[in-house]
Amino acid sequence: MKKILIIAIACLAFVSCKKDRVCSCKVVYTTTTPAGSHDVVSDYDVTLKKTSLKTASNACIHTKQTETNGNTTTSTDTNCSLK
């Protein structure tokens, strides 16, 4: 009986708990032209409903995109982390 109880407790320890998790993001928009550059910073939170820690960690990531149109370069740097 003790072995079954120990195995059950060990299995529960490895099961990922699904709950609401918050991903906090900071976005920096940078526009660069021949006249100079301009930054706009934005912060926001995203609530991931009934999500495991692994799924939330995979969804809450850092991305960077750059686009050039003529003499103007726009980059978006999004840095997210779990709270």
Protein backbone atom coordinates (compact mmCIF):
# COMPACT_ATOMS: atom_id res chain seq x y z
CA MET A 1 0.00 0.00 0.00
CA LYS A 2 2.83 2.40 0.82
CA LYS A 3 4.44 1.77 -2.58
CA ILE A 4 1.22 2.65 -4.39
CA LEU A 5 0.85 5.84 -2.36
CA ILE A 6 4.46 6.87 -3.06
CA ILE A 7 4.06 6.19 -6.79
CA ALA A 8 0.81 8.18 -6.88
CA ILE A 9 2.41 11.16 -5.14
CA ALA A 10 5.43 11.01 -7.49
CA CYS A 11 3.13 10.97 -10.53
CA LEU A 12 1.19 13.98 -9.25
CA ALA A 13 4.43 15.88 -8.74
CA PHE A 14 5.26 15.57 -12.44
CA VAL A 15 1.80 16.47 -13.74
CA SER A 16 1.71 20.01 -15.06
CA CYS A 17 -0.88 22.15 -13.34
CA LYS A 18 -3.09 24.06 -15.76
CA LYS A 19 -4.04 27.49 -14.54
CA ASP A 20 -4.22 31.09 -15.70
CA ARG A 21 -0.74 32.49 -16.36
CA VAL A 22 0.30 36.06 -17.19
CA CYS A 23 2.79 36.92 -19.91
CA SER A 24 4.20 40.43 -19.49
CA CYS A 25 5.54 42.02 -22.68
CA LYS A 26 7.55 45.12 -23.52
CA VAL A 27 7.56 46.25 -27.15
CA VAL A 28 10.04 48.75 -28.58
CA TYR A 29 9.12 50.16 -32.01
CA THR A 30 12.09 51.88 -33.66
CA THR A 31 11.78 53.92 -36.84
CA THR A 32 15.05 54.99 -38.47
CA THR A 33 15.22 57.53 -41.30
CA PRO A 34 18.09 59.61 -42.71
CA ALA A 35 16.95 62.38 -40.33
CA GLY A 36 17.38 60.17 -37.24
CA SER A 37 15.58 57.51 -35.23
CA HIS A 38 12.50 57.49 -33.03
CA ASP A 39 11.53 54.89 -30.37
CA VAL A 40 8.07 54.14 -29.03
CA VAL A 41 7.83 51.82 -26.00
CA SER A 42 4.69 49.91 -25.09
CA ASP A 43 4.00 47.50 -22.19
CA TYR A 44 1.14 45.03 -21.99
CA ASP A 45 0.09 41.81 -20.25
CA VAL A 46 -1.54 38.77 -21.84
CA THR A 47 -3.48 36.28 -19.70
CA LEU A 48 -3.17 32.70 -20.89
CA LYS A 49 -6.22 30.81 -19.60
CA LYS A 50 -5.88 27.27 -18.17
CA THR A 51 -2.37 26.77 -19.54
CA SER A 52 0.46 24.55 -18.37
CA LEU A 53 3.79 26.13 -17.46
CA LYS A 54 5.51 24.57 -20.48
CA THR A 55 2.88 25.83 -22.94
CA ALA A 56 2.94 29.30 -21.39
CA SER A 57 6.76 29.41 -21.54
CA ASN A 58 6.69 28.45 -25.22
CA ALA A 59 4.09 31.15 -25.99
CA CYS A 60 5.79 33.92 -24.02
CA ILE A 61 8.93 34.57 -26.09
CA HIS A 62 11.26 37.25 -27.44
CA THR A 63 10.88 38.24 -31.10
CA LYS A 64 12.47 40.87 -33.31
CA GLN A 65 11.34 41.96 -36.77
CA THR A 66 12.90 44.49 -39.13
CA GLU A 67 11.37 45.95 -42.28
CA THR A 68 12.97 48.36 -44.75
CA ASN A 69 10.94 50.54 -47.09
CA GLY A 70 13.10 52.93 -49.11
CA ASN A 71 15.12 55.05 -46.65
CA THR A 72 12.98 54.08 -43.65
CA THR A 73 13.74 51.08 -41.45
CA THR A 74 11.20 49.95 -38.87
CA SER A 75 12.06 47.36 -36.24
CA THR A 76 9.83 45.80 -33.62
CA ASP A 77 11.50 44.19 -30.60
CA THR A 78 9.05 42.28 -28.39
CA ASN A 79 10.40 40.86 -25.13
CA CYS A 80 7.94 38.77 -23.09
CA SER A 81 8.35 36.84 -19.85
CA LEU A 82 6.07 35.00 -17.44
CA LYS A 83 5.14 36.82 -14.26
